[in-house]
């Protein structure tokens, strides 16, 4: 059963229909619908690894000493220092480049536009922010033939600290002047903003990943992220509710990313974080930013949200049909 404050789902659904919610997707969404006792094994699983499973795999693959903490960021930094980032990246591409099926959560957001359109509504296009490297969300959009733009962060090389834009069926573009970049519009398509980099099957390099300690230090010391993304996306981020899905704030690197976006300020729009068993320290973290914690599993939350969305669309409440 979904346990949430009275009226929560109605509030979120209405705001989503009106285009006033930005989903913020973390690594935990890839565990959505995965059996609790199902272990991940490279090449033998239909699921992507969790952060701890990925850390363990990299430790074994690169012979990281046992005295190193089993922490993905620390393990990745050790590998980068000893053999370089290129072998690390190559291994990540092997892992994240497989044909993994999207979860029900990916499908929910991918089908959102077509769901509203089928009910006779003029759907708003979404801005979806994710810290995941994989392309499961893009696969879900491709499955329903819904076009989208991808904007992804560059962690290394001459363009480090900037974002790349890949339009549908278009060439990759470097966003050199975010405040002047006008080739993105939420009036036209959904935008997937990948702020930790992403795998890229269309380039020889294969993508870029914020994963080592050095990457996060560089990420933290650069200018505010709202000054790095195109102006249209920055405006959307400033005037939206946020729905955080799949985050575990015990990982300090995720706290760094959230700090880069908001600093120490409270969010000016009511926002929510969905966690089935949040620790007290996580609850305090979200409370500091005026974010409500919804204590429910991702599977139950998305199922309930989907049901409430269908009910609200059928009633015609909250939005004007086209």
Protein backbone atom coordinates (compact mmCIF):
# COMPACT_ATOMS: atom_id res chain seq x y z
CA UNK A 1 0.00 0.00 0.00
CA UNK A 2 1.18 3.53 -0.77
CA UNK A 3 1.50 5.67 2.33
CA UNK A 4 1.52 9.38 1.49
CA UNK A 5 -0.02 12.54 2.98
CA UNK A 6 -3.65 13.23 2.18
CA UNK A 7 -3.99 14.79 -1.26
CA UNK A 8 -0.34 14.19 -2.22
CA UNK A 9 -0.97 12.24 -5.41
CA UNK A 10 -3.66 14.61 -6.59
CA UNK A 11 -1.32 17.57 -6.05
CA UNK A 12 1.59 15.93 -7.90
CA UNK A 13 -0.55 14.68 -10.79
CA UNK A 14 -2.16 18.08 -11.31
CA UNK A 15 1.26 19.78 -11.29
CA UNK A 16 2.68 17.21 -13.75
CA UNK A 17 -0.23 17.71 -16.14
CA UNK A 18 0.33 21.47 -15.98
CA UNK A 19 4.07 21.04 -16.71
CA UNK A 20 5.22 22.31 -13.32
CA UNK A 21 7.15 19.23 -12.08
CA UNK A 22 10.73 18.28 -12.94
CA UNK A 23 11.46 14.60 -12.17
CA UNK A 24 14.97 14.11 -10.74
CA UNK A 25 16.09 10.50 -11.29
CA UNK A 26 18.85 8.77 -9.31
CA UNK A 27 20.62 5.41 -9.50
CA UNK A 28 17.96 3.72 -7.37
CA UNK A 29 15.37 3.86 -10.15
CA UNK A 30 17.19 1.04 -11.94
CA UNK A 31 16.38 -1.22 -8.98
CA UNK A 32 12.68 -0.53 -9.45
CA UNK A 33 10.84 -3.87 -9.93
CA UNK A 34 14.07 -5.83 -9.42
CA UNK A 35 13.48 -8.78 -7.02
CA UNK A 36 15.03 -8.01 -3.65
CA UNK A 37 17.20 -11.13 -3.61
CA UNK A 38 18.15 -10.97 -7.27
CA UNK A 39 21.93 -10.56 -7.51
CA UNK A 40 23.64 -8.77 -10.37
CA UNK A 41 26.23 -10.59 -12.45
CA UNK A 42 27.92 -9.12 -15.49
CA UNK A 43 26.49 -10.58 -18.68
CA UNK A 44 24.01 -12.72 -16.73
CA UNK A 45 21.46 -10.17 -15.56
CA UNK A 46 18.55 -8.24 -17.00
CA UNK A 47 19.28 -5.44 -14.57
CA UNK A 48 21.94 -2.78 -14.23
CA UNK A 49 24.19 -2.95 -11.15
CA UNK A 50 23.60 -0.84 -8.06
CA UNK A 51 26.37 1.56 -7.04
CA UNK A 52 27.70 -0.92 -4.49
CA UNK A 53 27.61 -3.78 -7.02
CA UNK A 54 29.40 -1.61 -9.56
CA UNK A 55 32.06 -0.70 -6.99
CA UNK A 56 32.60 -4.38 -6.16
CA UNK A 57 32.86 -5.30 -9.84
CA UNK A 58 35.41 -2.56 -10.55
CA UNK A 59 37.44 -3.61 -7.51
CA UNK A 60 37.71 -7.17 -8.80
CA UNK A 61 38.27 -6.19 -12.43
CA UNK A 62 41.12 -3.78 -11.71
CA UNK A 63 42.59 -5.46 -8.63
CA UNK A 64 41.86 -2.64 -6.22
CA UNK A 65 43.48 -3.45 -2.82
CA UNK A 66 41.15 -4.70 -0.12
CA UNK A 67 42.15 -1.84 2.20
CA UNK A 68 40.44 0.65 -0.13
CA UNK A 69 36.85 1.48 1.00
CA UNK A 70 34.14 -0.20 -1.06
CA UNK A 71 32.89 3.13 -2.35
CA UNK A 72 32.25 3.73 -6.04
CA UNK A 73 33.87 7.18 -6.10
CA UNK A 74 36.98 6.10 -4.14
CA UNK A 75 37.36 2.89 -6.15
CA UNK A 76 37.05 4.82 -9.42
CA UNK A 77 39.63 7.36 -8.27
CA UNK A 78 42.09 4.56 -7.43
CA UNK A 79 41.63 3.07 -10.91
CA UNK A 80 42.05 6.45 -12.59
CA UNK A 81 45.25 7.12 -10.60
CA UNK A 82 46.80 3.72 -11.32
CA UNK A 83 45.76 2.85 -14.90
CA UNK A 84 44.02 6.01 -16.14
CA UNK A 85 40.46 7.06 -16.86
CA UNK A 86 40.36 5.52 -20.34
CA UNK A 87 40.38 1.86 -19.11
CA UNK A 88 37.83 2.85 -16.47
CA UNK A 89 35.60 4.41 -19.12
CA UNK A 90 35.96 1.38 -21.37
CA UNK A 91 34.74 -0.89 -18.59
CA UNK A 92 31.82 1.41 -17.82
CA UNK A 93 30.81 1.39 -21.49
CA UNK A 94 30.78 -2.42 -21.46
CA UNK A 95 28.51 -2.41 -18.42
CA UNK A 96 26.11 0.36 -19.42
CA UNK A 97 26.05 -0.37 -23.13
CA UNK A 98 23.99 -3.55 -22.88
CA UNK A 99 20.39 -4.07 -23.97
CA UNK A 100 18.78 -3.61 -20.57
CA UNK A 101 14.99 -3.21 -20.45
CA UNK A 102 13.59 0.04 -19.00
CA UNK A 103 11.66 -0.22 -15.73
CA UNK A 104 8.05 0.78 -15.09
CA UNK A 105 9.35 4.12 -13.87
CA UNK A 106 11.13 4.85 -17.17
CA UNK A 107 8.01 3.82 -19.08
CA UNK A 108 5.78 6.08 -16.98
CA UNK A 109 7.64 9.23 -17.99
CA UNK A 110 8.18 8.10 -21.58
CA UNK A 111 4.46 7.41 -22.06
CA UNK A 112 3.32 10.56 -20.27
CA UNK A 113 3.01 12.68 -23.41
CA UNK A 114 1.30 9.98 -25.47
CA UNK A 115 -1.05 9.23 -22.54
CA UNK A 116 -2.23 12.84 -22.38
CA UNK A 117 -2.46 13.12 -26.13
CA UNK A 118 -4.60 9.96 -26.31
CA UNK A 119 -7.04 11.56 -23.84
CA UNK A 120 -7.37 14.65 -26.01
CA UNK A 121 -5.08 16.91 -23.99
CA UNK A 122 -2.33 19.18 -25.25
CA UNK A 123 0.53 17.75 -23.15
CA UNK A 124 3.40 19.89 -21.86
CA UNK A 125 6.85 18.58 -22.75
CA UNK A 126 8.94 17.49 -19.80
CA UNK A 127 12.35 18.44 -18.46
CA UNK A 128 13.71 15.27 -16.84
CA UNK A 129 16.96 15.53 -14.87
CA UNK A 130 19.04 12.42 -14.16
CA UNK A 131 22.38 11.58 -12.60
CA UNK A 132 22.45 8.16 -14.32
CA UNK A 133 24.89 7.25 -17.08
CA UNK A 134 22.71 4.63 -18.79
CA UNK A 135 20.24 5.17 -21.62
CA UNK A 136 17.23 3.28 -20.25
CA UNK A 137 15.13 6.44 -20.25
CA UNK A 138 15.99 7.12 -23.88
CA UNK A 139 15.12 3.51 -24.77
CA UNK A 140 11.71 3.95 -23.16
CA UNK A 141 11.07 7.10 -25.22
CA UNK A 142 12.25 5.34 -28.38
CA UNK A 143 9.84 2.47 -27.69
CA UNK A 144 6.84 4.81 -27.94
CA UNK A 145 8.41 6.86 -30.74
CA UNK A 146 8.35 10.04 -28.68
CA UNK A 147 11.11 12.51 -29.74
CA UNK A 148 13.44 14.09 -27.18
CA UNK A 149 16.63 16.09 -26.81
CA UNK A 150 19.56 14.95 -24.64
CA UNK A 151 21.79 17.48 -22.87
CA UNK A 152 24.75 15.81 -21.12
CA UNK A 153 27.68 16.99 -19.01
CA UNK A 154 31.29 16.56 -20.17
CA UNK A 155 33.61 15.33 -17.41
CA UNK A 156 36.97 15.17 -19.23
CA UNK A 157 38.92 16.63 -22.13
CA UNK A 158 39.01 20.06 -23.71
CA UNK A 159 35.27 20.59 -23.23
CA UNK A 160 35.19 19.48 -19.58
CA UNK A 161 32.66 21.40 -17.52
CA UNK A 162 30.36 22.11 -20.46
CA UNK A 163 27.25 20.44 -21.81
CA UNK A 164 26.59 18.74 -25.13
CA UNK A 165 23.25 18.80 -26.93
CA UNK A 166 22.02 15.93 -29.08
CA UNK A 167 18.72 16.69 -30.86
CA UNK A 168 16.64 13.87 -32.38
CA UNK A 169 18.47 12.44 -35.39
CA UNK A 170 20.89 15.37 -35.23
CA UNK A 171 24.60 15.97 -34.80
CA UNK A 172 26.13 16.50 -31.37
CA UNK A 173 26.54 20.19 -30.51
CA UNK A 174 28.71 21.84 -27.88
CA UNK A 175 26.85 24.42 -25.79
CA UNK A 176 29.51 27.12 -25.64
CA UNK A 177 27.35 30.06 -24.53
CA UNK A 178 24.48 28.74 -22.39
CA UNK A 179 22.91 32.17 -21.90
CA UNK A 180 22.66 32.57 -25.68
CA UNK A 181 21.80 28.99 -26.66
CA UNK A 182 18.33 28.93 -28.21
CA UNK A 183 18.31 25.54 -29.98
CA UNK A 184 16.37 23.87 -27.18
CA UNK A 185 12.68 24.39 -26.53
CA UNK A 186 10.32 22.58 -24.18
CA UNK A 187 7.56 23.82 -26.46
CA UNK A 188 8.80 21.32 -29.04
CA UNK A 189 10.10 18.23 -27.24
CA UNK A 190 10.98 16.65 -23.93
CA UNK A 191 14.54 17.36 -22.75
CA UNK A 192 16.58 14.79 -20.81
CA UNK A 193 19.28 16.59 -18.81
CA UNK A 194 22.12 14.27 -17.73
CA UNK A 195 24.19 16.19 -15.20
CA UNK A 196 26.71 13.42 -14.45
CA UNK A 197 27.49 12.60 -18.06
CA UNK A 198 26.20 9.70 -20.11
CA UNK A 199 27.05 6.75 -22.28
CA UNK A 200 26.95 7.69 -25.97
CA UNK A 201 26.70 4.97 -28.61
CA UNK A 202 27.04 7.51 -31.42
CA UNK A 203 30.58 8.79 -30.76
CA UNK A 204 34.00 7.07 -30.85
CA UNK A 205 34.67 8.17 -27.27
CA UNK A 206 31.46 6.55 -26.10
CA UNK A 207 30.45 9.16 -23.58
CA UNK A 208 31.70 10.83 -20.43
CA UNK A 209 31.20 10.00 -16.75
CA UNK A 210 31.47 11.98 -13.52
CA UNK A 211 32.62 9.13 -11.26
CA UNK A 212 36.02 9.80 -9.62
CA UNK A 213 36.87 12.08 -6.70
CA UNK A 214 38.66 14.43 -9.11
CA UNK A 215 35.55 14.63 -11.27
CA UNK A 216 33.41 15.62 -8.32
CA UNK A 217 35.95 18.16 -7.10
CA UNK A 218 35.98 19.76 -10.56
CA UNK A 219 32.21 19.59 -10.66
CA UNK A 220 31.92 21.32 -7.30
CA UNK A 221 34.42 24.09 -8.02
CA UNK A 222 32.89 25.17 -11.32
CA UNK A 223 30.28 27.89 -11.60
CA UNK A 224 26.66 27.31 -10.62
CA UNK A 225 25.09 24.68 -12.84
CA UNK A 226 22.27 27.04 -13.78
CA UNK A 227 24.91 29.09 -15.62
CA UNK A 228 26.14 26.04 -17.56
CA UNK A 229 22.87 24.74 -19.00
CA UNK A 230 20.93 26.56 -21.72
CA UNK A 231 18.92 29.51 -20.49
CA UNK A 232 15.58 27.85 -21.30
CA UNK A 233 16.39 24.90 -19.02
CA UNK A 234 17.75 27.12 -16.25
CA UNK A 235 14.48 29.05 -16.25
CA UNK A 236 12.51 25.81 -15.95
CA UNK A 237 14.64 24.63 -13.02
CA UNK A 238 13.99 27.87 -11.14
CA UNK A 239 10.21 27.69 -11.51
CA UNK A 240 9.30 24.05 -10.90
CA UNK A 241 8.44 21.52 -8.24
CA UNK A 242 10.94 18.64 -8.02
CA UNK A 243 10.15 14.96 -7.66
CA UNK A 244 13.25 13.09 -6.44
CA UNK A 245 13.21 9.38 -7.26
CA UNK A 246 15.93 6.81 -6.55
CA UNK A 247 18.27 8.79 -4.29
CA UNK A 248 20.32 7.67 -1.30
CA UNK A 249 21.89 10.69 0.34
CA UNK A 250 24.39 8.62 2.28
CA UNK A 251 26.50 9.00 -0.87
CA UNK A 252 28.36 12.30 -0.48
CA UNK A 253 28.76 12.75 -4.23
CA UNK A 254 24.98 13.09 -4.62
CA UNK A 255 24.93 15.73 -1.92
CA UNK A 256 27.57 17.62 -3.92
CA UNK A 257 25.39 17.59 -7.02
CA UNK A 258 22.35 18.84 -5.15
CA UNK A 259 24.48 21.53 -3.50
CA UNK A 260 25.66 22.65 -6.94
CA UNK A 261 22.09 23.25 -8.01
CA UNK A 262 20.61 24.87 -4.90
CA UNK A 263 23.47 25.67 -2.52
CA UNK A 264 22.11 25.88 1.02
CA UNK A 265 18.83 27.48 0.06
CA UNK A 266 15.40 25.98 0.55
CA UNK A 267 13.48 25.19 -2.59
CA UNK A 268 10.96 27.89 -3.45
CA UNK A 269 8.44 25.36 -4.85
CA UNK A 270 7.10 22.46 -2.80
CA UNK A 271 9.04 19.31 -3.73
CA UNK A 272 9.06 15.64 -2.78
CA UNK A 273 11.54 12.78 -2.30
CA UNK A 274 10.27 9.20 -2.53
CA UNK A 275 12.11 6.72 -0.28
CA UNK A 276 10.82 3.50 1.24
CA UNK A 277 13.04 3.48 4.35
CA UNK A 278 14.76 6.86 4.74
CA UNK A 279 17.37 7.29 7.46
CA UNK A 280 16.90 10.06 9.99
CA UNK A 281 19.87 11.98 8.52
CA UNK A 282 18.25 11.82 5.08
CA UNK A 283 14.97 13.12 6.45
CA UNK A 284 16.82 16.01 8.07
CA UNK A 285 18.63 16.78 4.82
CA UNK A 286 15.40 17.02 2.86
CA UNK A 287 13.64 18.93 5.63
CA UNK A 288 16.42 21.53 5.52
CA UNK A 289 15.41 22.24 1.94
CA UNK A 290 11.67 22.05 2.60
CA UNK A 291 11.33 18.79 0.66
CA UNK A 292 8.67 16.34 1.88
CA UNK A 293 9.77 12.70 2.20
CA UNK A 294 7.18 10.21 0.91
CA UNK A 295 7.84 6.87 2.59
CA UNK A 296 6.84 4.32 -0.03
CA UNK A 297 8.61 2.03 -2.51
CA UNK A 298 9.23 3.34 -6.00
CA UNK A 299 7.15 0.53 -7.49
CA UNK A 300 4.12 1.37 -5.38
CA UNK A 301 4.57 5.10 -5.87
CA UNK A 302 4.71 4.97 -9.67
CA UNK A 303 1.81 2.51 -9.84
CA UNK A 304 -0.32 4.80 -7.69
CA UNK A 305 0.76 7.91 -9.58
CA UNK A 306 -0.13 6.24 -12.88
CA UNK A 307 -3.59 5.25 -11.60
CA UNK A 308 -4.25 8.75 -10.29
CA UNK A 309 -3.08 10.28 -13.57
CA UNK A 310 -5.51 8.14 -15.57
CA UNK A 311 -8.35 9.00 -13.18
CA UNK A 312 -7.66 12.72 -13.34
CA UNK A 313 -7.43 12.69 -17.13
CA UNK A 314 -10.69 10.79 -17.39
CA UNK A 315 -12.41 13.37 -15.19
CA UNK A 316 -10.96 16.21 -17.26
CA UNK A 317 -9.80 17.98 -14.10
CA UNK A 318 -6.65 20.07 -13.93
CA UNK A 319 -6.04 20.79 -17.62
CA UNK A 320 -7.82 22.02 -20.69
CA UNK A 321 -8.23 19.58 -23.60
CA UNK A 322 -6.75 20.73 -26.87
